[in-house]
All heavy atoms as atom14 arrays in JSON, in Angstrom:
{
  "sequence": "EVNYDYMNDYFSRAVDLFNFVALISGHVTVALELIWRNRSVVIDQK",
  "atom14_mask": [
    [1, 1, 1, 1, 1, 1, 1, 1, 1, 0, 0, 0, 0, 0],
    [1, 1, 1, 1, 1, 1, 1, 0, 0, 0, 0, 0, 0, 0],
    [1, 1, 1, 1, 1, 1, 1, 1, 0, 0, 0, 0, 0, 0],
    [1, 1, 1, 1, 1, 1, 1, 1, 1, 1, 1, 1, 0, 0],
    [1, 1, 1, 1, 1, 1, 1, 1, 0, 0, 0, 0, 0, 0],
    [1, 1, 1, 1, 1, 1, 1, 1, 1, 1, 1, 1, 0, 0],
    [1, 1, 1, 1, 1, 1, 1, 1, 0, 0, 0, 0, 0, 0],
    [1, 1, 1, 1, 1, 1, 1, 1, 0, 0, 0, 0, 0, 0],
    [1, 1, 1, 1, 1, 1, 1, 1, 0, 0, 0, 0, 0, 0],
    [1, 1, 1, 1, 1, 1, 1, 1, 1, 1, 1, 1, 0, 0],
    [1, 1, 1, 1, 1, 1, 1, 1, 1, 1, 1, 0, 0, 0],
    [1, 1, 1, 1, 1, 1, 0, 0, 0, 0, 0, 0, 0, 0],
    [1, 1, 1, 1, 1, 1, 1, 1, 1, 1, 1, 0, 0, 0],
    [1, 1, 1, 1, 1, 0, 0, 0, 0, 0, 0, 0, 0, 0],
    [1, 1, 1, 1, 1, 1, 1, 0, 0, 0, 0, 0, 0, 0],
    [1, 1, 1, 1, 1, 1, 1, 1, 0, 0, 0, 0, 0, 0],
    [1, 1, 1, 1, 1, 1, 1, 1, 0, 0, 0, 0, 0, 0],
    [1, 1, 1, 1, 1, 1, 1, 1, 1, 1, 1, 0, 0, 0],
    [1, 1, 1, 1, 1, 1, 1, 1, 0, 0, 0, 0, 0, 0],
    [1, 1, 1, 1, 1, 1, 1, 1, 1, 1, 1, 0, 0, 0],
    [1, 1, 1, 1, 1, 1, 1, 0, 0, 0, 0, 0, 0, 0],
    [1, 1, 1, 1, 1, 0, 0, 0, 0, 0, 0, 0, 0, 0],
    [1, 1, 1, 1, 1, 1, 1, 1, 0, 0, 0, 0, 0, 0],
    [1, 1, 1, 1, 1, 1, 1, 1, 0, 0, 0, 0, 0, 0],
    [1, 1, 1, 1, 1, 1, 0, 0, 0, 0, 0, 0, 0, 0],
    [1, 1, 1, 1, 0, 0, 0, 0, 0, 0, 0, 0, 0, 0],
    [1, 1, 1, 1, 1, 1, 1, 1, 1, 1, 0, 0, 0, 0],
    [1, 1, 1, 1, 1, 1, 1, 0, 0, 0, 0, 0, 0, 0],
    [1, 1, 1, 1, 1, 1, 1, 0, 0, 0, 0, 0, 0, 0],
    [1, 1, 1, 1, 1, 1, 1, 0, 0, 0, 0, 0, 0, 0],
    [1, 1, 1, 1, 1, 0, 0, 0, 0, 0, 0, 0, 0, 0],
    [1, 1, 1, 1, 1, 1, 1, 1, 0, 0, 0, 0, 0, 0],
    [1, 1, 1, 1, 1, 1, 1, 1, 1, 0, 0, 0, 0, 0],
    [1, 1, 1, 1, 1, 1, 1, 1, 0, 0, 0, 0, 0, 0],
    [1, 1, 1, 1, 1, 1, 1, 1, 0, 0, 0, 0, 0, 0],
    [1, 1, 1, 1, 1, 1, 1, 1, 1, 1, 1, 1, 1, 1],
    [1, 1, 1, 1, 1, 1, 1, 1, 1, 1, 1, 0, 0, 0],
    [1, 1, 1, 1, 1, 1, 1, 1, 0, 0, 0, 0, 0, 0],
    [1, 1, 1, 1, 1, 1, 1, 1, 1, 1, 1, 0, 0, 0],
    [1, 1, 1, 1, 1, 1, 0, 0, 0, 0, 0, 0, 0, 0],
    [1, 1, 1, 1, 1, 1, 1, 0, 0, 0, 0, 0, 0, 0],
    [1, 1, 1, 1, 1, 1, 1, 0, 0, 0, 0, 0, 0, 0],
    [1, 1, 1, 1, 1, 1, 1, 1, 0, 0, 0, 0, 0, 0],
    [1, 1, 1, 1, 1, 1, 1, 1, 0, 0, 0, 0, 0, 0],
    [1, 1, 1, 1, 1, 1, 1, 1, 1, 0, 0, 0, 0, 0],
    [1, 1, 1, 1, 1, 1, 1, 1, 1, 0, 0, 0, 0, 0]
  ],
  "atom14_positions": [
    [[69.37, 69.73, 97.8], [70.3, 68.68, 98.19], [70.97, 69.04, 99.51], [71.37, 70.18, 99.73], [71.35, 68.48, 97.1], [70.78, 68.04, 95.77], [71.87, 67.95, 94.71], [73.05, 68.2, 95.06], [71.53, 67.63, 93.56], [0.0, 0.0, 0.0], [0.0, 0.0, 0.0], [0.0, 0.0, 0.0], [0.0, 0.0, 0.0], [0.0, 0.0, 0.0]],
    [[71.12, 68.02, 100.37], [71.84, 68.2, 101.62], [72.82, 67.04, 101.78], [72.66, 65.98, 101.16], [70.88, 68.23, 102.84], [70.0, 69.48, 102.8], [70.0, 66.98, 102.87], [0.0, 0.0, 0.0], [0.0, 0.0, 0.0], [0.0, 0.0, 0.0], [0.0, 0.0, 0.0], [0.0, 0.0, 0.0], [0.0, 0.0, 0.0], [0.0, 0.0, 0.0]],
    [[73.84, 67.25, 102.59], [74.85, 66.21, 102.78], [74.6, 65.42, 104.06], [75.53, 65.06, 104.79], [76.25, 66.83, 102.8], [76.4, 67.88, 103.89], [75.42, 68.25, 104.53], [77.62, 68.37, 104.08], [0.0, 0.0, 0.0], [0.0, 0.0, 0.0], [0.0, 0.0, 0.0], [0.0, 0.0, 0.0], [0.0, 0.0, 0.0], [0.0, 0.0, 0.0]],
    [[73.32, 65.17, 104.34], [72.94, 64.31, 105.46], [71.57, 63.71, 105.14], [70.87, 64.15, 104.22], [72.9, 65.08, 106.78], [71.9, 66.22, 106.81], [70.6, 66.02, 107.24], [72.28, 67.51, 106.43], [69.67, 67.06, 107.27], [71.37, 68.55, 106.45], [70.07, 68.31, 106.87], [69.16, 69.34, 106.89], [0.0, 0.0, 0.0], [0.0, 0.0, 0.0]],
    [[71.2, 62.71, 105.89], [69.92, 62.03, 105.69], [68.83, 62.84, 106.41], [68.57, 62.63, 107.6], [70.0, 60.61, 106.24], [68.72, 59.82, 105.97], [67.84, 60.35, 105.26], [68.61, 58.69, 106.49], [0.0, 0.0, 0.0], [0.0, 0.0, 0.0], [0.0, 0.0, 0.0], [0.0, 0.0, 0.0], [0.0, 0.0, 0.0], [0.0, 0.0, 0.0]],
    [[68.21, 63.77, 105.69], [67.27, 64.69, 106.35], [65.98, 63.99, 106.77], [65.22, 64.53, 107.57], [66.96, 65.88, 105.44], [66.05, 65.6, 104.29], [64.68, 65.77, 104.4], [66.56, 65.17, 103.07], [63.85, 65.52, 103.33], [65.74, 64.92, 102.0], [64.37, 65.09, 102.13], [63.54, 64.84, 101.07], [0.0, 0.0, 0.0], [0.0, 0.0, 0.0]],
    [[65.73, 62.8, 106.26], [64.52, 62.08, 106.67], [64.69, 61.41, 108.03], [63.73, 61.25, 108.79], [64.17, 61.02, 105.62], [63.76, 61.61, 104.27], [62.23, 62.58, 104.38], [61.06, 61.31, 104.82], [0.0, 0.0, 0.0], [0.0, 0.0, 0.0], [0.0, 0.0, 0.0], [0.0, 0.0, 0.0], [0.0, 0.0, 0.0], [0.0, 0.0, 0.0]],
    [[65.93, 61.03, 108.37], [66.18, 60.29, 109.62], [67.07, 61.04, 110.6], [67.0, 60.81, 111.8], [66.81, 58.92, 109.3], [65.91, 58.08, 108.42], [64.71, 57.96, 108.68], [66.49, 57.49, 107.36], [0.0, 0.0, 0.0], [0.0, 0.0, 0.0], [0.0, 0.0, 0.0], [0.0, 0.0, 0.0], [0.0, 0.0, 0.0], [0.0, 0.0, 0.0]],
    [[67.94, 61.92, 110.1], [68.86, 62.66, 110.96], [68.17, 63.94, 111.43], [68.33, 65.02, 110.85], [70.14, 62.97, 110.2], [71.24, 63.5, 111.12], [70.94, 63.77, 112.31], [72.39, 63.62, 110.66], [0.0, 0.0, 0.0], [0.0, 0.0, 0.0], [0.0, 0.0, 0.0], [0.0, 0.0, 0.0], [0.0, 0.0, 0.0], [0.0, 0.0, 0.0]],
    [[67.41, 63.83, 112.51], [66.62, 64.97, 112.99], [67.5, 66.07, 113.58], [67.16, 67.25, 113.46], [65.6, 64.49, 114.04], [64.59, 63.51, 113.49], [64.67, 62.16, 113.81], [63.57, 63.94, 112.65], [63.75, 61.25, 113.3], [62.64, 63.04, 112.14], [62.74, 61.69, 112.46], [61.83, 60.8, 111.95], [0.0, 0.0, 0.0], [0.0, 0.0, 0.0]],
    [[68.61, 65.69, 114.2], [69.47, 66.71, 114.8], [70.09, 67.6, 113.73], [70.09, 68.83, 113.85], [70.55, 66.04, 115.65], [71.46, 67.02, 116.34], [71.03, 67.7, 117.47], [72.73, 67.27, 115.85], [71.85, 68.62, 118.11], [73.55, 68.19, 116.47], [73.12, 68.86, 117.61], [0.0, 0.0, 0.0], [0.0, 0.0, 0.0], [0.0, 0.0, 0.0]],
    [[70.63, 66.97, 112.68], [71.23, 67.76, 111.61], [70.19, 68.63, 110.93], [70.46, 69.77, 110.53], [71.88, 66.84, 110.58], [72.98, 66.14, 111.15], [0.0, 0.0, 0.0], [0.0, 0.0, 0.0], [0.0, 0.0, 0.0], [0.0, 0.0, 0.0], [0.0, 0.0, 0.0], [0.0, 0.0, 0.0], [0.0, 0.0, 0.0], [0.0, 0.0, 0.0]],
    [[69.0, 68.09, 110.8], [67.92, 68.88, 110.19], [67.59, 70.09, 111.05], [67.37, 71.2, 110.53], [66.69, 68.0, 110.0], [65.55, 68.66, 109.25], [64.45, 67.67, 108.96], [63.36, 68.28, 108.22], [62.32, 67.61, 107.74], [62.26, 66.29, 107.91], [61.37, 68.25, 107.08], [0.0, 0.0, 0.0], [0.0, 0.0, 0.0], [0.0, 0.0, 0.0]],
    [[67.56, 69.92, 112.37], [67.27, 71.04, 113.28], [68.38, 72.08, 113.22], [68.12, 73.29, 113.2], [67.08, 70.52, 114.7], [0.0, 0.0, 0.0], [0.0, 0.0, 0.0], [0.0, 0.0, 0.0], [0.0, 0.0, 0.0], [0.0, 0.0, 0.0], [0.0, 0.0, 0.0], [0.0, 0.0, 0.0], [0.0, 0.0, 0.0], [0.0, 0.0, 0.0]],
    [[69.64, 71.62, 113.18], [70.76, 72.55, 113.1], [70.73, 73.32, 111.79], [70.99, 74.53, 111.74], [72.1, 71.8, 113.26], [73.28, 72.73, 113.02], [72.2, 71.19, 114.65], [0.0, 0.0, 0.0], [0.0, 0.0, 0.0], [0.0, 0.0, 0.0], [0.0, 0.0, 0.0], [0.0, 0.0, 0.0], [0.0, 0.0, 0.0], [0.0, 0.0, 0.0]],
    [[70.38, 72.62, 110.7], [70.28, 73.26, 109.39], [69.23, 74.36, 109.4], [69.46, 75.48, 108.92], [69.94, 72.2, 108.34], [70.02, 72.75, 106.93], [70.54, 73.86, 106.74], [69.54, 72.06, 106.0], [0.0, 0.0, 0.0], [0.0, 0.0, 0.0], [0.0, 0.0, 0.0], [0.0, 0.0, 0.0], [0.0, 0.0, 0.0], [0.0, 0.0, 0.0]],
    [[68.08, 74.05, 109.95], [67.01, 75.06, 110.01], [67.36, 76.2, 110.96], [67.0, 77.35, 110.73], [65.7, 74.4, 110.44], [65.09, 73.41, 109.44], [63.83, 72.78, 110.01], [64.78, 74.1, 108.12], [0.0, 0.0, 0.0], [0.0, 0.0, 0.0], [0.0, 0.0, 0.0], [0.0, 0.0, 0.0], [0.0, 0.0, 0.0], [0.0, 0.0, 0.0]],
    [[68.09, 75.88, 112.03], [68.53, 76.91, 112.96], [69.49, 77.88, 112.29], [69.43, 79.1, 112.49], [69.17, 76.27, 114.19], [69.47, 77.24, 115.29], [68.47, 78.0, 115.87], [70.76, 77.39, 115.76], [68.73, 78.9, 116.89], [71.05, 78.28, 116.78], [70.03, 79.03, 117.34], [0.0, 0.0, 0.0], [0.0, 0.0, 0.0], [0.0, 0.0, 0.0]],
    [[70.39, 77.33, 111.46], [71.28, 78.18, 110.66], [70.48, 79.1, 109.74], [70.79, 80.3, 109.61], [72.2, 77.32, 109.81], [73.45, 76.89, 110.55], [73.83, 75.73, 110.49], [74.09, 77.78, 111.28], [0.0, 0.0, 0.0], [0.0, 0.0, 0.0], [0.0, 0.0, 0.0], [0.0, 0.0, 0.0], [0.0, 0.0, 0.0], [0.0, 0.0, 0.0]],
    [[69.48, 78.53, 109.12], [68.65, 79.32, 108.2], [67.92, 80.44, 108.94], [67.88, 81.58, 108.47], [67.65, 78.41, 107.49], [66.52, 79.15, 106.84], [66.73, 79.88, 105.68], [65.25, 79.13, 107.38], [65.7, 80.56, 105.07], [64.21, 79.82, 106.79], [64.44, 80.53, 105.63], [0.0, 0.0, 0.0], [0.0, 0.0, 0.0], [0.0, 0.0, 0.0]],
    [[67.34, 80.11, 110.1], [66.6, 81.12, 110.87], [67.54, 82.24, 111.31], [67.18, 83.43, 111.26], [65.93, 80.46, 112.09], [65.36, 81.52, 113.02], [64.82, 79.52, 111.64], [0.0, 0.0, 0.0], [0.0, 0.0, 0.0], [0.0, 0.0, 0.0], [0.0, 0.0, 0.0], [0.0, 0.0, 0.0], [0.0, 0.0, 0.0], [0.0, 0.0, 0.0]],
    [[68.77, 81.91, 111.72], [69.74, 82.93, 112.13], [70.09, 83.84, 110.96], [70.16, 85.07, 111.11], [70.99, 82.27, 112.69], [0.0, 0.0, 0.0], [0.0, 0.0, 0.0], [0.0, 0.0, 0.0], [0.0, 0.0, 0.0], [0.0, 0.0, 0.0], [0.0, 0.0, 0.0], [0.0, 0.0, 0.0], [0.0, 0.0, 0.0], [0.0, 0.0, 0.0]],
    [[70.31, 83.25, 109.79], [70.68, 84.04, 108.61], [69.55, 84.95, 108.16], [69.74, 86.15, 107.95], [71.07, 83.1, 107.46], [71.42, 83.77, 106.13], [72.65, 84.65, 106.28], [71.64, 82.72, 105.05], [0.0, 0.0, 0.0], [0.0, 0.0, 0.0], [0.0, 0.0, 0.0], [0.0, 0.0, 0.0], [0.0, 0.0, 0.0], [0.0, 0.0, 0.0]],
    [[68.35, 84.4, 108.04], [67.24, 85.19, 107.52], [66.76, 86.21, 108.54], [66.28, 87.3, 108.18], [66.08, 84.26, 107.07], [65.23, 84.94, 106.01], [65.24, 83.83, 108.24], [65.94, 85.2, 104.72], [0.0, 0.0, 0.0], [0.0, 0.0, 0.0], [0.0, 0.0, 0.0], [0.0, 0.0, 0.0], [0.0, 0.0, 0.0], [0.0, 0.0, 0.0]],
    [[66.9, 85.91, 109.85], [66.53, 86.88, 110.88], [67.44, 88.1, 110.81], [66.97, 89.25, 110.93], [66.62, 86.24, 112.27], [65.7, 85.18, 112.39], [0.0, 0.0, 0.0], [0.0, 0.0, 0.0], [0.0, 0.0, 0.0], [0.0, 0.0, 0.0], [0.0, 0.0, 0.0], [0.0, 0.0, 0.0], [0.0, 0.0, 0.0], [0.0, 0.0, 0.0]],
    [[68.74, 87.85, 110.61], [69.66, 88.97, 110.46], [69.34, 89.81, 109.24], [69.36, 91.04, 109.29], [0.0, 0.0, 0.0], [0.0, 0.0, 0.0], [0.0, 0.0, 0.0], [0.0, 0.0, 0.0], [0.0, 0.0, 0.0], [0.0, 0.0, 0.0], [0.0, 0.0, 0.0], [0.0, 0.0, 0.0], [0.0, 0.0, 0.0], [0.0, 0.0, 0.0]],
    [[69.03, 89.15, 108.12], [68.71, 89.86, 106.89], [67.47, 90.74, 107.07], [67.48, 91.94, 106.75], [68.48, 88.85, 105.77], [68.18, 89.47, 104.45], [68.11, 88.75, 103.28], [67.91, 90.76, 104.08], [67.83, 89.56, 102.27], [67.69, 90.77, 102.74], [0.0, 0.0, 0.0], [0.0, 0.0, 0.0], [0.0, 0.0, 0.0], [0.0, 0.0, 0.0]],
    [[66.41, 90.17, 107.59], [65.15, 90.91, 107.74], [65.3, 92.04, 108.76], [64.8, 93.16, 108.55], [64.01, 89.95, 108.15], [62.74, 90.72, 108.48], [63.74, 88.94, 107.05], [0.0, 0.0, 0.0], [0.0, 0.0, 0.0], [0.0, 0.0, 0.0], [0.0, 0.0, 0.0], [0.0, 0.0, 0.0], [0.0, 0.0, 0.0], [0.0, 0.0, 0.0]],
    [[66.01, 91.77, 109.85], [66.2, 92.81, 110.87], [66.98, 93.99, 110.32], [66.62, 95.16, 110.53], [66.94, 92.22, 112.09], [66.19, 91.13, 112.62], [67.12, 93.28, 113.16], [0.0, 0.0, 0.0], [0.0, 0.0, 0.0], [0.0, 0.0, 0.0], [0.0, 0.0, 0.0], [0.0, 0.0, 0.0], [0.0, 0.0, 0.0], [0.0, 0.0, 0.0]],
    [[68.06, 93.71, 109.59], [68.85, 94.77, 108.99], [68.02, 95.58, 108.0], [68.04, 96.82, 108.0], [70.1, 94.19, 108.3], [70.78, 95.24, 107.43], [71.08, 93.66, 109.33], [0.0, 0.0, 0.0], [0.0, 0.0, 0.0], [0.0, 0.0, 0.0], [0.0, 0.0, 0.0], [0.0, 0.0, 0.0], [0.0, 0.0, 0.0], [0.0, 0.0, 0.0]],
    [[67.29, 94.88, 107.14], [66.51, 95.56, 106.1], [65.43, 96.46, 106.7], [65.31, 97.64, 106.33], [65.88, 94.53, 105.17], [0.0, 0.0, 0.0], [0.0, 0.0, 0.0], [0.0, 0.0, 0.0], [0.0, 0.0, 0.0], [0.0, 0.0, 0.0], [0.0, 0.0, 0.0], [0.0, 0.0, 0.0], [0.0, 0.0, 0.0], [0.0, 0.0, 0.0]],
    [[64.66, 95.94, 107.64], [63.57, 96.73, 108.22], [64.1, 97.87, 109.08], [63.51, 98.95, 109.12], [62.65, 95.83, 109.04], [61.86, 94.78, 108.25], [60.98, 93.95, 109.17], [61.01, 95.45, 107.17], [0.0, 0.0, 0.0], [0.0, 0.0, 0.0], [0.0, 0.0, 0.0], [0.0, 0.0, 0.0], [0.0, 0.0, 0.0], [0.0, 0.0, 0.0]],
    [[65.23, 97.64, 109.75], [65.82, 98.72, 110.54], [66.31, 99.85, 109.65], [66.16, 101.03, 109.97], [66.96, 98.18, 111.4], [67.52, 99.2, 112.39], [68.58, 98.6, 113.28], [69.55, 98.03, 112.75], [68.45, 98.71, 114.51], [0.0, 0.0, 0.0], [0.0, 0.0, 0.0], [0.0, 0.0, 0.0], [0.0, 0.0, 0.0], [0.0, 0.0, 0.0]],
    [[66.91, 99.49, 108.52], [67.37, 100.51, 107.58], [66.19, 101.27, 106.97], [66.28, 102.47, 106.69], [68.19, 99.86, 106.46], [69.66, 99.59, 106.77], [70.28, 98.74, 105.67], [70.42, 100.9, 106.92], [0.0, 0.0, 0.0], [0.0, 0.0, 0.0], [0.0, 0.0, 0.0], [0.0, 0.0, 0.0], [0.0, 0.0, 0.0], [0.0, 0.0, 0.0]],
    [[65.08, 100.6, 106.75], [63.94, 101.24, 106.1], [63.19, 102.15, 107.07], [62.86, 103.29, 106.73], [63.0, 100.16, 105.53], [63.69, 99.4, 104.39], [61.7, 100.8, 105.02], [62.92, 98.19, 103.92], [0.0, 0.0, 0.0], [0.0, 0.0, 0.0], [0.0, 0.0, 0.0], [0.0, 0.0, 0.0], [0.0, 0.0, 0.0], [0.0, 0.0, 0.0]],
    [[62.94, 101.67, 108.29], [62.04, 102.39, 109.19], [62.73, 103.11, 110.34], [62.13, 103.99, 110.96], [61.0, 101.42, 109.75], [60.1, 100.89, 108.69], [60.12, 99.65, 108.12], [59.02, 101.58, 108.05], [59.14, 99.52, 107.17], [58.44, 100.69, 107.1], [58.49, 102.87, 108.17], [57.38, 101.06, 106.29], [57.43, 103.23, 107.37], [56.87, 102.33, 106.45]],
    [[63.95, 102.73, 110.67], [64.62, 103.33, 111.83], [65.97, 103.93, 111.46], [66.86, 104.05, 112.3], [64.81, 102.28, 112.94], [63.5, 101.63, 113.38], [63.69, 100.71, 114.55], [64.27, 101.4, 115.7], [64.44, 100.85, 116.89], [64.08, 99.6, 117.1], [64.97, 101.54, 117.88], [0.0, 0.0, 0.0], [0.0, 0.0, 0.0], [0.0, 0.0, 0.0]],
    [[66.11, 104.3, 110.23], [67.38, 104.85, 109.76], [67.57, 106.29, 110.27], [66.77, 107.17, 109.97], [67.41, 104.83, 108.22], [68.79, 105.11, 107.67], [69.74, 105.32, 108.41], [68.9, 105.13, 106.36], [0.0, 0.0, 0.0], [0.0, 0.0, 0.0], [0.0, 0.0, 0.0], [0.0, 0.0, 0.0], [0.0, 0.0, 0.0], [0.0, 0.0, 0.0]],
    [[68.63, 106.52, 111.02], [68.92, 107.82, 111.6], [70.17, 108.44, 110.99], [70.85, 109.25, 111.63], [69.09, 107.69, 113.12], [67.95, 106.95, 113.81], [68.22, 106.77, 115.29], [68.14, 108.02, 116.0], [67.03, 108.53, 116.52], [65.88, 107.88, 116.38], [67.05, 109.67, 117.17], [0.0, 0.0, 0.0], [0.0, 0.0, 0.0], [0.0, 0.0, 0.0]],
    [[70.49, 108.03, 109.77], [71.73, 108.48, 109.14], [71.76, 109.99, 108.92], [72.83, 110.61, 109.02], [71.94, 107.74, 107.81], [70.87, 107.97, 106.93], [0.0, 0.0, 0.0], [0.0, 0.0, 0.0], [0.0, 0.0, 0.0], [0.0, 0.0, 0.0], [0.0, 0.0, 0.0], [0.0, 0.0, 0.0], [0.0, 0.0, 0.0], [0.0, 0.0, 0.0]],
    [[70.61, 110.59, 108.61], [70.58, 112.03, 108.38], [70.95, 112.79, 109.65], [71.76, 113.73, 109.62], [69.19, 112.46, 107.87], [69.12, 113.98, 107.74], [68.88, 111.8, 106.53], [0.0, 0.0, 0.0], [0.0, 0.0, 0.0], [0.0, 0.0, 0.0], [0.0, 0.0, 0.0], [0.0, 0.0, 0.0], [0.0, 0.0, 0.0], [0.0, 0.0, 0.0]],
    [[70.39, 112.38, 110.77], [70.69, 113.02, 112.05], [72.16, 112.83, 112.42], [72.84, 113.77, 112.87], [69.78, 112.46, 113.16], [70.14, 113.08, 114.51], [68.32, 112.72, 112.83], [0.0, 0.0, 0.0], [0.0, 0.0, 0.0], [0.0, 0.0, 0.0], [0.0, 0.0, 0.0], [0.0, 0.0, 0.0], [0.0, 0.0, 0.0], [0.0, 0.0, 0.0]],
    [[72.67, 111.63, 112.21], [74.07, 111.35, 112.54], [75.01, 112.18, 111.67], [76.0, 112.75, 112.15], [74.35, 109.84, 112.38], [73.55, 109.05, 113.41], [75.84, 109.55, 112.53], [73.62, 107.56, 113.22], [0.0, 0.0, 0.0], [0.0, 0.0, 0.0], [0.0, 0.0, 0.0], [0.0, 0.0, 0.0], [0.0, 0.0, 0.0], [0.0, 0.0, 0.0]],
    [[74.69, 112.28, 110.37], [75.53, 113.1, 109.48], [75.54, 114.56, 109.91], [76.58, 115.23, 109.87], [75.01, 112.99, 108.05], [75.29, 111.63, 107.43], [76.09, 110.87, 108.01], [74.69, 111.32, 106.38], [0.0, 0.0, 0.0], [0.0, 0.0, 0.0], [0.0, 0.0, 0.0], [0.0, 0.0, 0.0], [0.0, 0.0, 0.0], [0.0, 0.0, 0.0]],
    [[74.38, 115.07, 110.32], [74.31, 116.46, 110.76], [75.16, 116.69, 112.0], [75.84, 117.72, 112.12], [72.85, 116.82, 111.04], [71.99, 116.91, 109.79], [70.53, 117.14, 110.1], [70.1, 117.07, 111.27], [69.73, 117.43, 109.08], [0.0, 0.0, 0.0], [0.0, 0.0, 0.0], [0.0, 0.0, 0.0], [0.0, 0.0, 0.0], [0.0, 0.0, 0.0]],
    [[75.17, 115.72, 112.92], [75.95, 115.89, 114.15], [77.45, 115.81, 113.86], [78.24, 116.57, 114.43], [75.53, 114.82, 115.17], [74.13, 115.06, 115.75], [73.82, 114.13, 116.88], [72.44, 114.42, 117.46], [72.37, 115.78, 118.03], [0.0, 0.0, 0.0], [0.0, 0.0, 0.0], [0.0, 0.0, 0.0], [0.0, 0.0, 0.0], [0.0, 0.0, 0.0]]
  ]
}
């Protein structure tokens, strides 16, 4: 469910999807960076 006419309101639909892309991009970037580029051990040692 959305609070706009997603069949005809193309601008709101684009903004909605842009919000989603921003949110999920941040999630995936954080997760993969923590998994593969985590330098916490080195930082703790320093």
